[in-house]
Amino acid sequence: MSRQLLVPVDGSPLSNRALEYAFDAHEDPSVVALHVIDPADPGYSSMIDVDVRNEPPHGSDEWYERATKEEERLFSEARDLAAERDAELSTESVVGDPSRKIVDYAEDHDVDAIVMGSHGRSGPTRLLLGSTAELVVSRAPVTVTVVRDEVDRGSPD
C-alpha cells in the first residue's frame, strides 16, 4: 500500500534532500510537495538571494506574481526529481505561516507522514529565527522525519 507523504519544499538543498529521502526510503510513495508562500518573507519563501531594494514592494501584486514564478521553478525541480525515480508527485501551494500551514495540511488531508529538511539552527540564530521543523515536529498529527545538514551537528550553543 502506498504511503501519502507530505514534503514541504523551499528550494534549499535540505528540502531537496528531504524530497529525495521521501522517494528513496519508501516503497512507491505518493508524495505531495507543499510550498508555503509566507507573506512575512521578502525572499518569496524560497532559497534565492533577494536584494529587497531591487524587488517589487513586499506584499504587492507584483511581489506575489514573482513568488508564484519562483514557486513554479521549485515545483519543476520537484517534478524532475520524481521523474528521475519514476515516482508519483503532486504539488500544492498555500499562503501563510509555514509551520502552521504544514501542520494544517497534514490535519486536513490523508497524510501518513511528513518529511522535511531542517537547517539545524541553534543558539541565538534559533531564538531569532525560530525553527519551522521544530514547530512542525511538536504540533504535527503524524510522524515527522527531519533531514538535517550533516555539517551542523555540534553541541548546542
Protein backbone atom coordinates (compact mmCIF):
# COMPACT_ATOMS: atom_id res chain seq x y z
CA MET A 1 0.00 0.00 0.00
CA SER A 2 1.33 3.42 -0.97
CA ARG A 3 2.10 5.90 1.79
CA GLN A 4 0.97 9.51 1.43
CA LEU A 5 3.97 11.69 2.32
CA LEU A 6 3.99 15.47 2.70
CA VAL A 7 7.27 17.17 1.83
CA PRO A 8 7.49 20.95 2.30
CA VAL A 9 9.74 22.47 -0.40
CA ASP A 10 11.58 25.78 -0.44
CA GLY A 11 14.35 25.09 -2.94
CA SER A 12 17.03 24.64 -0.29
CA PRO A 13 19.44 21.73 -0.59
CA LEU A 14 17.88 20.23 2.55
CA SER A 15 14.33 20.39 1.22
CA ASN A 16 15.60 18.70 -1.96
CA ARG A 17 17.32 16.04 0.17
CA ALA A 18 14.07 15.53 2.10
CA LEU A 19 12.23 15.01 -1.18
CA GLU A 20 14.86 12.53 -2.35
CA TYR A 21 14.61 10.73 1.01
CA ALA A 22 10.82 10.51 0.71
CA PHE A 23 11.14 8.83 -2.68
CA ASP A 24 14.11 6.60 -1.82
CA ALA A 25 13.24 5.41 1.70
CA HIS A 26 9.64 4.39 0.99
CA GLU A 27 8.30 1.87 -1.48
CA ASP A 28 6.05 3.53 -4.08
CA PRO A 29 5.19 6.60 -2.01
CA SER A 30 2.59 9.13 -3.05
CA VAL A 31 4.35 12.42 -2.37
CA VAL A 32 2.83 15.87 -2.06
CA ALA A 33 5.35 18.70 -2.46
CA LEU A 34 3.94 21.62 -0.46
CA HIS A 35 5.21 25.15 -0.92
CA VAL A 36 4.11 27.75 1.59
CA ILE A 37 4.30 31.34 0.42
CA ASP A 38 4.99 33.26 3.61
CA PRO A 39 3.77 36.86 3.29
CA ALA A 40 6.27 37.82 6.02
CA ASP A 41 9.23 36.55 3.96
CA PRO A 42 10.58 39.10 1.47
CA GLY A 43 12.54 36.29 -0.27
CA TYR A 44 9.47 34.67 -1.86
CA SER A 45 9.65 31.76 0.61
CA SER A 46 12.49 30.15 -1.29
CA MET A 47 16.23 29.97 -1.04
CA ILE A 48 17.10 32.57 -3.69
CA ASP A 49 19.17 35.62 -2.81
CA VAL A 50 16.96 38.69 -2.86
CA ASP A 51 18.02 42.31 -2.66
CA VAL A 52 14.77 43.89 -1.47
CA ARG A 53 15.91 47.26 -2.83
CA ASN A 54 15.54 45.88 -6.38
CA GLU A 55 12.41 43.78 -5.89
CA PRO A 56 8.72 44.71 -6.07
CA PRO A 57 7.30 46.13 -2.82
CA HIS A 58 6.82 43.32 -0.33
CA GLY A 59 3.23 42.04 -0.35
CA SER A 60 2.30 43.85 -3.57
CA ASP A 61 0.62 42.13 -6.51
CA GLU A 62 3.97 42.15 -8.29
CA TRP A 63 5.61 40.52 -5.25
CA TYR A 64 3.02 37.70 -5.27
CA GLU A 65 3.48 37.34 -9.02
CA ARG A 66 7.24 36.90 -8.51
CA ALA A 67 6.60 34.46 -5.63
CA THR A 68 4.36 32.40 -7.91
CA LYS A 69 7.04 32.28 -10.62
CA GLU A 70 9.61 31.16 -8.05
CA GLU A 71 7.17 28.53 -6.83
CA GLU A 72 6.76 27.23 -10.39
CA ARG A 73 10.56 26.80 -10.53
CA LEU A 74 10.54 24.88 -7.22
CA PHE A 75 7.77 22.59 -8.42
CA SER A 76 9.57 21.99 -11.72
CA GLU A 77 12.66 20.84 -9.77
CA ALA A 78 10.47 18.60 -7.60
CA ARG A 79 8.81 17.06 -10.67
CA ASP A 80 12.26 16.42 -12.18
CA LEU A 81 13.33 14.56 -9.02
CA ALA A 82 10.13 12.50 -9.14
CA ALA A 83 10.58 11.71 -12.84
CA GLU A 84 14.16 10.53 -12.22
CA ARG A 85 12.71 7.97 -9.78
CA ASP A 86 9.54 7.19 -11.76
CA ALA A 87 7.61 8.30 -8.67
CA GLU A 88 4.20 9.85 -8.09
CA LEU A 89 4.23 13.53 -7.12
CA SER A 90 1.56 16.15 -6.72
CA THR A 91 2.12 19.79 -5.82
CA GLU A 92 0.19 22.09 -3.54
CA SER A 93 0.58 25.74 -2.64
CA VAL A 94 -0.73 27.68 0.32
CA VAL A 95 -0.15 31.14 1.76
CA GLY A 96 0.60 31.79 5.41
CA ASP A 97 2.91 30.88 8.27
CA PRO A 98 4.91 27.83 7.11
CA SER A 99 4.80 25.73 10.28
CA ARG A 100 1.09 26.33 10.79
CA LYS A 101 0.22 25.63 7.14
CA ILE A 102 2.27 22.42 7.05
CA VAL A 103 0.51 21.10 10.16
CA ASP A 104 -2.90 22.26 8.87
CA TYR A 105 -2.32 20.45 5.58
CA ALA A 106 -1.39 17.24 7.40
CA GLU A 107 -4.51 17.52 9.58
CA ASP A 108 -6.85 18.26 6.67
CA HIS A 109 -5.56 15.63 4.22
CA ASP A 110 -4.88 11.93 4.33
CA VAL A 111 -1.17 12.29 5.10
CA ASP A 112 0.69 9.36 6.67
CA ALA A 113 3.91 11.24 7.44
CA ILE A 114 5.82 14.48 6.87
CA VAL A 115 9.41 14.50 5.59
CA MET A 116 11.18 17.85 5.80
CA GLY A 117 14.57 19.46 5.85
CA SER A 118 15.90 21.43 8.78
CA HIS A 119 18.82 23.80 8.81
CA GLY A 120 19.61 22.75 12.38
CA ARG A 121 19.98 26.26 13.72
CA SER A 122 20.92 26.55 17.34
CA GLY A 123 21.72 29.20 19.90
CA PRO A 124 20.95 32.87 19.13
CA THR A 125 20.05 32.18 15.48
CA ARG A 126 17.33 29.74 16.54
CA LEU A 127 15.98 32.21 19.09
CA LEU A 128 15.78 34.95 16.47
CA LEU A 129 14.50 32.90 13.56
CA GLY A 130 12.64 30.06 15.23
CA SER A 131 12.56 26.62 13.73
CA THR A 132 9.83 25.60 11.34
CA ALA A 133 10.86 21.96 11.67
CA GLU A 134 10.77 22.12 15.46
CA LEU A 135 7.28 23.61 15.45
CA VAL A 136 6.04 21.05 12.93
CA VAL A 137 7.52 18.16 14.95
CA SER A 138 5.83 19.39 18.14
CA ARG A 139 2.41 20.01 16.53
CA ALA A 140 2.01 17.52 13.70
CA PRO A 141 -0.67 14.82 13.97
CA VAL A 142 1.62 12.34 12.11
CA THR A 143 5.21 11.15 12.23
CA VAL A 144 7.76 13.74 11.08
CA THR A 145 11.12 12.73 9.64
CA VAL A 146 13.63 15.58 9.71
CA VAL A 147 16.53 15.60 7.26
CA ARG A 148 19.35 17.70 8.69
CA ASP A 149 22.58 19.16 7.46
CA GLU A 150 25.35 16.75 8.39
CA VAL A 151 27.83 19.60 8.97
CA ASP A 152 25.88 21.38 11.72
CA ARG A 153 25.70 18.68 14.43
CA GLY A 154 27.94 20.20 17.05
CA SER A 155 26.99 20.85 20.63
CA PRO A 156 24.20 23.35 21.29
CA ASP A 157 25.24 26.96 21.87
